[in-house]
Amino acid sequence: MATRVSMVTNLERVRLPSPVMAASGCFGSGQEMGTIMDVRRLGGIVTKSVTVRPVRGLPPPRMAETESGMLNAIGLQNPGIEEFLRKDGPFIAEVGVPVFVSIAGKSVEEFAEVAARLREIPQIAAIEANISCPNVERRNLVFACDPDAAGQVINRITQVTALPVFAKLTPDVSDIVTVARECVRAGATGLSLINTLLGMSIDVDTFRPRLGAVTGGLSGPAIRPVAVRAVFQVARALPEVPIIGMGGIRTARDAIEFLLAGAWAVAIGTANFFNPHVTLEVAAGVADFLAARGLRSPSDLRGRVEAPEAVVEEPAYRSG
């Protein structure tokens, strides 16, 4: 008899019908994608980041293809919270699938203001705090590069909302575990790992950067090994904390790799640009994988990687 698989995934205070979500920045709020697919079959949707005021974004060109992914320098372009509430609020309230709203800001109080306004939309499942963005109050540092700054943002958000808060972290740090610990201590329900890596590409014919902003975020298959490493290290340190793993997922086997590393769920971003059905296809593939091995739930894979207990802490250096 074939094993009956349940794809339902619980992230503590958030229940997902599937562990495979659409990542922030590549799916909008789901409205446009809903014209070509049934978004109600998704595990969840993470919206594009929204800020207090409208943001025009960075100068073009904003995207550049790489051999195994892409660079983007969008600059958090969005219409601001007022227009977001008007345009996307009704859809989010009625879509029938868990929606995480990604929020961003230039200061701690901007994050808090956006989080507080989200009370106006019923049915939001959680907030994803995109703390991997510039903090102009601290000389343009990134909140997530400083454990104290990261904790301040998360703590302030949790003061103004009862929604679960997932902190989205950057891999561009020397010790991601320390930042993750501080976010959880400050009140984060879970963690989203990882955001893009900072990268650059140069056109050798023109001698100019391929991006108008010179540098941008590298995403796609190139960053998957980095993302899996980050998930593995944080999951080993914080096994009871829900982790949404992301970074270069294109196939079911990619998603399973994240689950084995310790992720509770996964989110797919860049792959949506060339295959808008990828999220549903990956979820189906994960279900088939579970059934073929007599497993009943994605949680049966969580953290099952057979790795030595003695893991070298970040940063790791190899000599010889």
C-alpha atoms as a PDB file:
ATOM      1  CA  MET A   1       0.000   0.000   0.000  1.00  0.00           C
ATOM      2  CA  ALA A   2       1.367   3.420  -0.956  1.00  0.00           C
ATOM      3  CA  THR A   3       2.277   5.767   1.873  1.00  0.00           C
ATOM      4  CA  ARG A   4      -0.210   8.584   2.368  1.00  0.00           C
ATOM      5  CA  VAL A   5       1.728  11.846   2.419  1.00  0.00           C
ATOM      6  CA  SER A   6       0.528  15.026   4.123  1.00  0.00           C
ATOM      7  CA  MET A   7       2.327  18.138   2.914  1.00  0.00           C
ATOM      8  CA  VAL A   8       0.905  20.312   5.705  1.00  0.00           C
ATOM      9  CA  THR A   9       3.748  22.139   7.423  1.00  0.00           C
ATOM     10  CA  ASN A  10       3.586  23.936  10.758  1.00  0.00           C
ATOM     11  CA  LEU A  11       5.975  26.817  11.406  1.00  0.00           C
ATOM     12  CA  GLU A  12       5.007  27.120  15.060  1.00  0.00           C
ATOM     13  CA  ARG A  13       2.283  29.801  14.772  1.00  0.00           C
ATOM     14  CA  VAL A  14       1.853  29.484  10.994  1.00  0.00           C
ATOM     15  CA  ARG A  15       0.247  26.527   9.217  1.00  0.00           C
ATOM     16  CA  LEU A  16       1.154  26.012   5.550  1.00  0.00           C
ATOM     17  CA  PRO A  17      -0.665  23.602   3.208  1.00  0.00           C
ATOM     18  CA  SER A  18       2.734  22.806   1.655  1.00  0.00           C
ATOM     19  CA  PRO A  19       6.334  23.537   2.619  1.00  0.00           C
ATOM     20  CA  VAL A  20       7.030  25.186  -0.759  1.00  0.00           C
ATOM     21  CA  MET A  21       6.404  28.926  -0.916  1.00  0.00           C
ATOM     22  CA  ALA A  22       6.945  31.746  -3.416  1.00  0.00           C
ATOM     23  CA  ALA A  23       9.781  33.991  -2.242  1.00  0.00           C
ATOM     24  CA  SER A  24       9.729  37.760  -1.875  1.00  0.00           C
ATOM     25  CA  GLY A  25      10.534  39.943  -4.860  1.00  0.00           C
ATOM     26  CA  CYS A  26       9.720  37.390  -7.554  1.00  0.00           C
ATOM     27  CA  PHE A  27       5.978  36.891  -7.187  1.00  0.00           C
ATOM     28  CA  GLY A  28       4.501  40.295  -6.339  1.00  0.00           C
ATOM     29  CA  SER A  29       1.558  39.699  -4.010  1.00  0.00           C
ATOM     30  CA  GLY A  30       0.322  36.862  -6.220  1.00  0.00           C
ATOM     31  CA  GLN A  31      -2.296  38.874  -8.090  1.00  0.00           C
ATOM     32  CA  GLU A  32      -0.555  38.908 -11.455  1.00  0.00           C
ATOM     33  CA  MET A  33       0.651  35.310 -11.172  1.00  0.00           C
ATOM     34  CA  GLY A  34      -2.916  34.312 -10.354  1.00  0.00           C
ATOM     35  CA  THR A  35      -3.843  34.970 -13.981  1.00  0.00           C
ATOM     36  CA  ILE A  36      -1.700  32.043 -15.177  1.00  0.00           C
ATOM     37  CA  MET A  37      -1.801  29.616 -12.236  1.00  0.00           C
ATOM     38  CA  ASP A  38      -3.896  28.616  -9.227  1.00  0.00           C
ATOM     39  CA  VAL A  39      -2.055  30.392  -6.418  1.00  0.00           C
ATOM     40  CA  ARG A  40      -4.337  28.688  -3.874  1.00  0.00           C
ATOM     41  CA  ARG A  41      -2.293  25.526  -4.400  1.00  0.00           C
ATOM     42  CA  LEU A  42       0.880  27.187  -3.126  1.00  0.00           C
ATOM     43  CA  GLY A  43       2.309  26.617   0.315  1.00  0.00           C
ATOM     44  CA  GLY A  44       2.353  30.380   0.752  1.00  0.00           C
ATOM     45  CA  ILE A  45       3.317  33.693  -0.812  1.00  0.00           C
ATOM     46  CA  VAL A  46       5.876  36.178   0.459  1.00  0.00           C
ATOM     47  CA  THR A  47       5.135  39.608  -1.000  1.00  0.00           C
ATOM     48  CA  LYS A  48       7.637  42.027  -2.452  1.00  0.00           C
ATOM     49  CA  SER A  49       9.038  44.257   0.302  1.00  0.00           C
ATOM     50  CA  VAL A  50       6.924  47.286   1.182  1.00  0.00           C
ATOM     51  CA  THR A  51       8.139  50.485   2.847  1.00  0.00           C
ATOM     52  CA  VAL A  52       6.508  53.493   4.524  1.00  0.00           C
ATOM     53  CA  ARG A  53       6.762  55.752   1.489  1.00  0.00           C
ATOM     54  CA  PRO A  54       7.001  54.961  -2.240  1.00  0.00           C
ATOM     55  CA  VAL A  55      10.468  54.035  -3.473  1.00  0.00           C
ATOM     56  CA  ARG A  56      11.472  54.609  -7.108  1.00  0.00           C
ATOM     57  CA  GLY A  57      14.341  52.167  -6.943  1.00  0.00           C
ATOM     58  CA  LEU A  58      17.821  52.190  -8.456  1.00  0.00           C
ATOM     59  CA  PRO A  59      18.861  53.320 -11.958  1.00  0.00           C
ATOM     60  CA  PRO A  60      18.749  50.876 -14.879  1.00  0.00           C
ATOM     61  CA  PRO A  61      19.985  48.436 -15.939  1.00  0.00           C
ATOM     62  CA  ARG A  62      18.610  46.646 -12.886  1.00  0.00           C
ATOM     63  CA  MET A  63      19.157  43.008 -13.829  1.00  0.00           C
ATOM     64  CA  ALA A  64      22.049  41.073 -15.340  1.00  0.00           C
ATOM     65  CA  GLU A  65      22.143  37.388 -16.166  1.00  0.00           C
ATOM     66  CA  THR A  66      25.061  35.319 -14.892  1.00  0.00           C
ATOM     67  CA  GLU A  67      26.243  31.812 -15.804  1.00  0.00           C
ATOM     68  CA  SER A  68      24.275  30.252 -12.961  1.00  0.00           C
ATOM     69  CA  GLY A  69      21.828  32.858 -11.762  1.00  0.00           C
ATOM     70  CA  MET A  70      21.299  36.564 -11.967  1.00  0.00           C
ATOM     71  CA  LEU A  71      22.221  39.864 -10.395  1.00  0.00           C
ATOM     72  CA  ASN A  72      19.560  42.396  -9.501  1.00  0.00           C
ATOM     73  CA  ALA A  73      19.684  45.936  -8.183  1.00  0.00           C
ATOM     74  CA  ILE A  74      16.015  46.889  -7.925  1.00  0.00           C
ATOM     75  CA  GLY A  75      16.436  49.040  -4.849  1.00  0.00           C
ATOM     76  CA  LEU A  76      13.228  48.023  -3.044  1.00  0.00           C
ATOM     77  CA  GLN A  77      11.028  49.751  -5.617  1.00  0.00           C
ATOM     78  CA  ASN A  78       7.467  49.708  -4.279  1.00  0.00           C
ATOM     79  CA  PRO A  79       4.405  51.984  -4.067  1.00  0.00           C
ATOM     80  CA  GLY A  80       4.581  52.470  -0.287  1.00  0.00           C
ATOM     81  CA  ILE A  81       2.309  51.125   2.427  1.00  0.00           C
ATOM     82  CA  GLU A  82      -0.691  53.329   1.592  1.00  0.00           C
ATOM     83  CA  GLU A  83      -0.957  52.115  -2.011  1.00  0.00           C
ATOM     84  CA  PHE A  84      -0.083  48.560  -0.960  1.00  0.00           C
ATOM     85  CA  LEU A  85      -3.016  48.506   1.441  1.00  0.00           C
ATOM     86  CA  ARG A  86      -5.353  49.831  -1.233  1.00  0.00           C
ATOM     87  CA  LYS A  87      -4.207  47.671  -4.143  1.00  0.00           C
ATOM     88  CA  ASP A  88      -3.011  44.432  -2.545  1.00  0.00           C
ATOM     89  CA  GLY A  89      -4.894  44.390   0.750  1.00  0.00           C
ATOM     90  CA  PRO A  90      -8.211  43.041  -0.607  1.00  0.00           C
ATOM     91  CA  PHE A  91      -6.451  40.301  -2.582  1.00  0.00           C
ATOM     92  CA  ILE A  92      -4.382  39.182   0.417  1.00  0.00           C
ATOM     93  CA  ALA A  93      -7.480  39.095   2.620  1.00  0.00           C
ATOM     94  CA  GLU A  94      -9.331  36.792   0.230  1.00  0.00           C
ATOM     95  CA  VAL A  95      -6.709  34.731  -1.618  1.00  0.00           C
ATOM     96  CA  GLY A  96      -7.083  31.715   0.661  1.00  0.00           C
ATOM     97  CA  VAL A  97      -3.375  30.915   0.945  1.00  0.00           C
ATOM     98  CA  PRO A  98      -0.947  31.998   3.694  1.00  0.00           C
ATOM     99  CA  VAL A  99       0.619  35.359   2.833  1.00  0.00           C
ATOM    100  CA  PHE A 100       3.737  36.707   4.502  1.00  0.00           C
ATOM    101  CA  VAL A 101       4.142  40.446   3.953  1.00  0.00           C
ATOM    102  CA  SER A 102       7.771  41.475   3.548  1.00  0.00           C
ATOM    103  CA  ILE A 103       8.565  44.839   5.105  1.00  0.00           C
ATOM    104  CA  ALA A 104      11.632  47.071   4.875  1.00  0.00           C
ATOM    105  CA  GLY A 105      12.786  50.429   6.129  1.00  0.00           C
ATOM    106  CA  LYS A 106      15.671  52.845   6.531  1.00  0.00           C
ATOM    107  CA  SER A 107      15.246  53.000  10.296  1.00  0.00           C
ATOM    108  CA  VAL A 108      13.848  50.973  13.169  1.00  0.00           C
ATOM    109  CA  GLU A 109      10.784  53.211  13.361  1.00  0.00           C
ATOM    110  CA  GLU A 110      10.037  52.837   9.653  1.00  0.00           C
ATOM    111  CA  PHE A 111       9.887  49.060  10.102  1.00  0.00           C
ATOM    112  CA  ALA A 112       7.560  49.537  13.065  1.00  0.00           C
ATOM    113  CA  GLU A 113       5.294  51.930  11.168  1.00  0.00           C
ATOM    114  CA  VAL A 114       4.809  49.525   8.271  1.00  0.00           C
ATOM    115  CA  ALA A 115       4.233  46.580  10.628  1.00  0.00           C
ATOM    116  CA  ALA A 116       1.597  48.520  12.557  1.00  0.00           C
ATOM    117  CA  ARG A 117      -0.281  49.490   9.377  1.00  0.00           C
ATOM    118  CA  LEU A 118      -0.565  45.832   8.361  1.00  0.00           C
ATOM    119  CA  ARG A 119      -3.229  45.425  11.047  1.00  0.00           C
ATOM    120  CA  GLU A 120      -5.553  46.889   8.416  1.00  0.00           C
ATOM    121  CA  ILE A 121      -5.337  43.701   6.318  1.00  0.00           C
ATOM    122  CA  PRO A 122      -7.108  40.655   7.767  1.00  0.00           C
ATOM    123  CA  GLN A 123      -5.763  37.144   7.169  1.00  0.00           C
ATOM    124  CA  ILE A 124      -2.052  38.005   6.934  1.00  0.00           C
ATOM    125  CA  ALA A 125      -0.183  34.908   8.084  1.00  0.00           C
ATOM    126  CA  ALA A 126       3.097  36.549   9.130  1.00  0.00           C
ATOM    127  CA  ILE A 127       5.573  39.348   8.554  1.00  0.00           C
ATOM    128  CA  GLU A 128       8.944  38.794   6.930  1.00  0.00           C
ATOM    129  CA  ALA A 129      11.303  41.496   8.159  1.00  0.00           C
ATOM    130  CA  ASN A 130      13.764  42.247   5.361  1.00  0.00           C
ATOM    131  CA  ILE A 131      16.557  43.477   7.592  1.00  0.00           C
ATOM    132  CA  SER A 132      19.065  43.002   4.776  1.00  0.00           C
ATOM    133  CA  CYS A 133      18.569  46.575   3.555  1.00  0.00           C
ATOM    134  CA  PRO A 134      20.526  49.816   4.198  1.00  0.00           C
ATOM    135  CA  ASN A 135      20.127  51.465   7.584  1.00  0.00           C
ATOM    136  CA  VAL A 136      20.817  55.144   6.969  1.00  0.00           C
ATOM    137  CA  GLU A 137      20.778  55.906  10.678  1.00  0.00           C
ATOM    138  CA  ARG A 138      23.895  53.755  11.045  1.00  0.00           C
ATOM    139  CA  ARG A 139      26.090  54.979   8.158  1.00  0.00           C
ATOM    140  CA  ASN A 140      24.420  52.827   5.531  1.00  0.00           C
ATOM    141  CA  LEU A 141      25.174  49.532   7.248  1.00  0.00           C
ATOM    142  CA  VAL A 142      22.823  46.594   6.800  1.00  0.00           C
ATOM    143  CA  PHE A 143      20.756  45.804   9.880  1.00  0.00           C
ATOM    144  CA  ALA A 144      21.392  42.069   9.552  1.00  0.00           C
ATOM    145  CA  CYS A 145      25.173  42.569   9.540  1.00  0.00           C
ATOM    146  CA  ASP A 146      25.054  43.744  13.158  1.00  0.00           C
ATOM    147  CA  PRO A 147      23.441  41.434  15.756  1.00  0.00           C
ATOM    148  CA  ASP A 148      22.468  44.361  18.001  1.00  0.00           C
ATOM    149  CA  ALA A 149      20.891  46.344  15.148  1.00  0.00           C
ATOM    150  CA  ALA A 150      19.063  43.253  13.905  1.00  0.00           C
ATOM    151  CA  GLY A 151      17.701  42.599  17.376  1.00  0.00           C
ATOM    152  CA  GLN A 152      16.527  46.193  17.780  1.00  0.00           C
ATOM    153  CA  VAL A 153      14.472  46.027  14.586  1.00  0.00           C
ATOM    154  CA  ILE A 154      12.865  42.684  15.437  1.00  0.00           C
ATOM    155  CA  ASN A 155      12.114  43.747  19.002  1.00  0.00           C
ATOM    156  CA  ARG A 156      10.446  46.951  17.831  1.00  0.00           C
ATOM    157  CA  ILE A 157       8.336  45.145  15.225  1.00  0.00           C
ATOM    158  CA  THR A 158       7.067  42.659  17.798  1.00  0.00           C
ATOM    159  CA  GLN A 159       6.000  45.548  20.019  1.00  0.00           C
ATOM    160  CA  VAL A 160       3.500  46.807  17.431  1.00  0.00           C
ATOM    161  CA  THR A 161       2.141  43.570  15.960  1.00  0.00           C
ATOM    162  CA  ALA A 162       0.802  40.248  17.186  1.00  0.00           C
ATOM    163  CA  LEU A 163       1.702  38.569  13.889  1.00  0.00           C
ATOM    164  CA  PRO A 164       4.546  36.050  13.751  1.00  0.00           C
ATOM    165  CA  VAL A 165       7.762  37.720  12.552  1.00  0.00           C
ATOM    166  CA  PHE A 166      10.376  35.981  10.393  1.00  0.00           C
ATOM    167  CA  ALA A 167      13.742  37.725  10.133  1.00  0.00           C
ATOM    168  CA  LYS A 168      15.322  37.541   6.679  1.00  0.00           C
ATOM    169  CA  LEU A 169      19.090  37.347   7.022  1.00  0.00           C
ATOM    170  CA  THR A 170      21.996  38.077   4.724  1.00  0.00           C
ATOM    171  CA  PRO A 171      24.852  35.601   4.220  1.00  0.00           C
ATOM    172  CA  ASP A 172      27.302  38.499   3.874  1.00  0.00           C
ATOM    173  CA  VAL A 173      28.410  38.220   7.508  1.00  0.00           C
ATOM    174  CA  SER A 174      31.209  36.429   9.326  1.00  0.00           C
ATOM    175  CA  ASP A 175      28.842  34.643  11.751  1.00  0.00           C
ATOM    176  CA  ILE A 176      25.211  34.218  10.726  1.00  0.00           C
ATOM    177  CA  VAL A 177      24.445  32.100  13.800  1.00  0.00           C
ATOM    178  CA  THR A 178      25.096  35.009  16.153  1.00  0.00           C
ATOM    179  CA  VAL A 179      22.740  37.259  14.180  1.00  0.00           C
ATOM    180  CA  ALA A 180      20.091  34.531  14.105  1.00  0.00           C
ATOM    181  CA  ARG A 181      20.319  34.012  17.873  1.00  0.00           C
ATOM    182  CA  GLU A 182      19.858  37.721  18.517  1.00  0.00           C
ATOM    183  CA  CYS A 183      16.798  37.906  16.256  1.00  0.00           C
ATOM    184  CA  VAL A 184      15.178  35.002  18.084  1.00  0.00           C
ATOM    185  CA  ARG A 185      16.066  36.484  21.463  1.00  0.00           C
ATOM    186  CA  ALA A 186      14.424  39.730  20.332  1.00  0.00           C
ATOM    187  CA  GLY A 187      11.166  37.941  19.531  1.00  0.00           C
ATOM    188  CA  ALA A 188      11.405  36.500  16.013  1.00  0.00           C
ATOM    189  CA  THR A 189       9.170  33.473  15.511  1.00  0.00           C
ATOM    190  CA  GLY A 190      11.400  32.177  12.743  1.00  0.00           C
ATOM    191  CA  LEU A 191      14.104  32.947  10.209  1.00  0.00           C
ATOM    192  CA  SER A 192      14.300  33.244   6.413  1.00  0.00           C
ATOM    193  CA  LEU A 193      17.687  32.085   5.072  1.00  0.00           C
ATOM    194  CA  ILE A 194      19.157  33.508   2.899  1.00  0.00           C
ATOM    195  CA  ASN A 195      18.890  36.796   1.078  1.00  0.00           C
ATOM    196  CA  THR A 196      21.008  37.428  -2.015  1.00  0.00           C
ATOM    197  CA  LEU A 197      24.795  37.746  -1.909  1.00  0.00           C
ATOM    198  CA  LEU A 198      26.404  41.008  -2.936  1.00  0.00           C
ATOM    199  CA  GLY A 199      27.929  40.636  -6.388  1.00  0.00           C
ATOM    200  CA  MET A 200      29.083  42.473  -9.489  1.00  0.00           C
ATOM    201  CA  SER A 201      29.419  41.866 -13.223  1.00  0.00           C
ATOM    202  CA  ILE A 202      31.426  43.860 -15.794  1.00  0.00           C
ATOM    203  CA  ASP A 203      30.812  44.096 -19.547  1.00  0.00           C
ATOM    204  CA  VAL A 204      34.263  43.523 -21.022  1.00  0.00           C
ATOM    205  CA  ASP A 205      33.241  45.120 -24.338  1.00  0.00           C
ATOM    206  CA  THR A 206      32.173  48.439 -22.831  1.00  0.00           C
ATOM    207  CA  PHE A 207      34.378  48.323 -19.699  1.00  0.00           C
ATOM    208  CA  ARG A 208      31.264  49.256 -17.669  1.00  0.00           C
ATOM    209  CA  PRO A 209      29.371  47.486 -14.875  1.00  0.00           C
ATOM    210  CA  ARG A 210      26.346  45.548 -16.135  1.00  0.00           C
ATOM    211  CA  LEU A 211      24.181  47.085 -13.404  1.00  0.00           C
ATOM    212  CA  GLY A 212      23.336  50.768 -13.148  1.00  0.00           C
ATOM    213  CA  ALA A 213      24.008  50.614  -9.408  1.00  0.00           C
ATOM    214  CA  VAL A 214      27.332  48.802 -10.061  1.00  0.00           C
ATOM    215  CA  THR A 215      26.702  46.049  -7.480  1.00  0.00           C
ATOM    216  CA  GLY A 216      23.600  43.988  -6.815  1.00  0.00           C
ATOM    217  CA  GLY A 217      22.179  40.873  -5.249  1.00  0.00           C
ATOM    218  CA  LEU A 218      23.272  37.530  -6.695  1.00  0.00           C
ATOM    219  CA  SER A 219      20.552  34.875  -6.732  1.00  0.00           C
ATOM    220  CA  GLY A 220      19.919  31.551  -8.443  1.00  0.00           C
ATOM    221  CA  PRO A 221      21.717  28.175  -8.380  1.00  0.00           C
ATOM    222  CA  ALA A 222      25.113  29.801  -7.796  1.00  0.00           C
ATOM    223  CA  ILE A 223      24.211  30.652  -4.208  1.00  0.00           C
ATOM    224  CA  ARG A 224      22.512  27.396  -3.209  1.00  0.00           C
ATOM    225  CA  PRO A 225      25.568  25.830  -1.523  1.00  0.00           C
ATOM    226  CA  VAL A 226      25.989  28.999   0.551  1.00  0.00           C
ATOM    227  CA  ALA A 227      22.313  28.942   1.508  1.00  0.00           C
ATOM    228  CA  VAL A 228      22.374  25.257   2.452  1.00  0.00           C
ATOM    229  CA  ARG A 229      25.431  25.876   4.628  1.00  0.00           C
ATOM    230  CA  ALA A 230      23.730  28.778   6.384  1.00  0.00           C
ATOM    231  CA  VAL A 231      20.556  26.780   7.031  1.00  0.00           C
ATOM    232  CA  PHE A 232      22.589  23.845   8.330  1.00  0.00           C
ATOM    233  CA  GLN A 233      24.600  25.959  10.761  1.00  0.00           C
ATOM    234  CA  VAL A 234      21.622  27.910  12.104  1.00  0.00           C
ATOM    235  CA  ALA A 235      19.446  24.790  12.389  1.00  0.00           C
ATOM    236  CA  ARG A 236      22.161  23.016  14.366  1.00  0.00           C
ATOM    237  CA  ALA A 237      22.372  25.971  16.742  1.00  0.00           C
ATOM    238  CA  LEU A 238      18.618  26.672  16.968  1.00  0.00           C
ATOM    239  CA  PRO A 239      16.823  23.377  16.232  1.00  0.00           C
ATOM    240  CA  GLU A 240      13.480  24.516  17.667  1.00  0.00           C
ATOM    241  CA  VAL A 241      13.268  27.662  15.529  1.00  0.00           C
ATOM    242  CA  PRO A 242      11.334  27.472  12.223  1.00  0.00           C
ATOM    243  CA  ILE A 243      13.579  28.175   9.220  1.00  0.00           C
ATOM    244  CA  ILE A 244      12.423  28.945   5.693  1.00  0.00           C
ATOM    245  CA  GLY A 245      15.300  28.020   3.394  1.00  0.00           C
ATOM    246  CA  MET A 246      15.840  29.757   0.063  1.00  0.00           C
ATOM    247  CA  GLY A 247      18.538  30.362  -2.506  1.00  0.00           C
ATOM    248  CA  GLY A 248      18.745  28.773  -5.946  1.00  0.00           C
ATOM    249  CA  ILE A 249      15.961  26.202  -5.657  1.00  0.00           C
ATOM    250  CA  ARG A 250      14.804  24.919  -9.063  1.00  0.00           C
ATOM    251  CA  THR A 251      13.894  21.270  -8.455  1.00  0.00           C
ATOM    252  CA  ALA A 252      12.386  19.036  -5.804  1.00  0.00           C
ATOM    253  CA  ARG A 253      15.825  17.655  -5.015  1.00  0.00           C
ATOM    254  CA  ASP A 254      17.080  21.192  -4.375  1.00  0.00           C
ATOM    255  CA  ALA A 255      14.233  21.739  -1.917  1.00  0.00           C
ATOM    256  CA  ILE A 256      14.859  18.407  -0.230  1.00  0.00           C
ATOM    257  CA  GLU A 257      18.503  19.384   0.267  1.00  0.00           C
ATOM    258  CA  PHE A 258      17.333  22.384   2.311  1.00  0.00           C
ATOM    259  CA  LEU A 259      14.955  20.230   4.364  1.00  0.00           C
ATOM    260  CA  LEU A 260      17.728  17.751   5.124  1.00  0.00           C
ATOM    261  CA  ALA A 261      19.937  20.660   6.219  1.00  0.00           C
ATOM    262  CA  GLY A 262      17.298  21.699   8.764  1.00  0.00           C
ATOM    263  CA  ALA A 263      14.792  23.958   6.985  1.00  0.00           C
ATOM    264  CA  TRP A 264      11.131  23.574   7.944  1.00  0.00           C
ATOM    265  CA  ALA A 265       9.933  25.019   4.622  1.00  0.00           C
ATOM    266  CA  VAL A 266      11.458  26.519   1.481  1.00  0.00           C
ATOM    267  CA  ALA A 267      10.793  29.496  -0.780  1.00  0.00           C
ATOM    268  CA  ILE A 268      11.507  29.781  -4.494  1.00  0.00           C
ATOM    269  CA  GLY A 269      12.455  33.086  -6.088  1.00  0.00           C
ATOM    270  CA  THR A 270      14.565  33.423  -9.245  1.00  0.00           C
ATOM    271  CA  ALA A 271      13.254  30.237 -10.885  1.00  0.00           C
ATOM    272  CA  ASN A 272       9.821  31.879 -11.178  1.00  0.00           C
ATOM    273  CA  PHE A 273      11.219  34.163 -13.882  1.00  0.00           C
ATOM    274  CA  PHE A 274      11.684  31.304 -16.346  1.00  0.00           C
ATOM    275  CA  ASN A 275       9.058  28.865 -15.012  1.00  0.00           C
ATOM    276  CA  PRO A 276       6.027  30.410 -13.278  1.00  0.00           C
ATOM    277  CA  HIS A 277       4.795  26.930 -12.328  1.00  0.00           C
ATOM    278  CA  VAL A 278       8.027  25.905 -10.602  1.00  0.00           C
ATOM    279  CA  THR A 279       6.652  26.221  -7.059  1.00  0.00           C
ATOM    280  CA  LEU A 280       3.836  23.756  -7.748  1.00  0.00           C
ATOM    281  CA  GLU A 281       6.166  21.400  -9.615  1.00  0.00           C
ATOM    282  CA  VAL A 282       8.680  21.353  -6.768  1.00  0.00           C
ATOM    283  CA  ALA A 283       5.942  20.666  -4.205  1.00  0.00           C
ATOM    284  CA  ALA A 284       4.666  17.734  -6.274  1.00  0.00           C
ATOM    285  CA  GLY A 285       8.204  16.395  -6.570  1.00  0.00           C
ATOM    286  CA  VAL A 286       8.756  16.590  -2.816  1.00  0.00           C
ATOM    287  CA  ALA A 287       5.504  14.670  -2.224  1.00  0.00           C
ATOM    288  CA  ASP A 288       6.607  11.973  -4.670  1.00  0.00           C
ATOM    289  CA  PHE A 289       9.997  11.733  -2.968  1.00  0.00           C
ATOM    290  CA  LEU A 290       8.364  11.258   0.425  1.00  0.00           C
ATOM    291  CA  ALA A 291       5.946   8.624  -0.844  1.00  0.00           C
ATOM    292  CA  ALA A 292       8.704   6.678  -2.590  1.00  0.00           C
ATOM    293  CA  ARG A 293      10.618   6.418   0.682  1.00  0.00           C
ATOM    294  CA  GLY A 294       7.678   5.593   2.906  1.00  0.00           C
ATOM    295  CA  LEU A 295       7.736   8.974   4.649  1.00  0.00           C
ATOM    296  CA  ARG A 296       4.540  10.744   5.668  1.00  0.00           C
ATOM    297  CA  SER A 297       5.477  14.400   6.055  1.00  0.00           C
ATOM    298  CA  PRO A 298       8.135  16.943   5.019  1.00  0.00           C
ATOM    299  CA  SER A 299       9.045  17.134   8.708  1.00  0.00           C
ATOM    300  CA  ASP A 300      10.345  13.558   8.415  1.00  0.00           C
ATOM    301  CA  LEU A 301      13.227  14.987   6.370  1.00  0.00           C
ATOM    302  CA  ARG A 302      14.028  17.940   8.606  1.00  0.00           C
ATOM    303  CA  GLY A 303      17.647  17.947   9.730  1.00  0.00           C
ATOM    304  CA  ARG A 304      18.196  14.337   8.663  1.00  0.00           C
ATOM    305  CA  VAL A 305      21.555  15.008   7.042  1.00  0.00           C
ATOM    306  CA  GLU A 306      24.118  12.557   8.413  1.00  0.00           C
ATOM    307  CA  ALA A 307      26.910  14.956   9.243  1.00  0.00           C
ATOM    308  CA  PRO A 308      29.470  14.813  12.062  1.00  0.00           C
ATOM    309  CA  GLU A 309      28.358  16.430  15.305  1.00  0.00           C
ATOM    310  CA  ALA A 310      31.607  18.390  15.594  1.00  0.00           C
ATOM    311  CA  VAL A 311      31.036  21.131  13.031  1.00  0.00           C
ATOM    312  CA  VAL A 312      33.618  23.874  12.567  1.00  0.00           C
ATOM    313  CA  GLU A 313      32.100  27.227  13.515  1.00  0.00           C
ATOM    314  CA  GLU A 314      32.150  30.271  11.222  1.00  0.00           C
ATOM    315  CA  PRO A 315      34.453  31.555   9.965  1.00  0.00           C
ATOM    316  CA  ALA A 316      36.165  28.362   8.832  1.00  0.00           C
ATOM    317  CA  TYR A 317      39.654  28.449   7.369  1.00  0.00           C
ATOM    318  CA  ARG A 318      41.380  25.555   5.659  1.00  0.00           C
ATOM    319  CA  SER A 319      45.162  25.422   5.416  1.00  0.00           C
ATOM    320  CA  GLY A 320      47.503  23.297   3.394  1.00  0.00           C
END
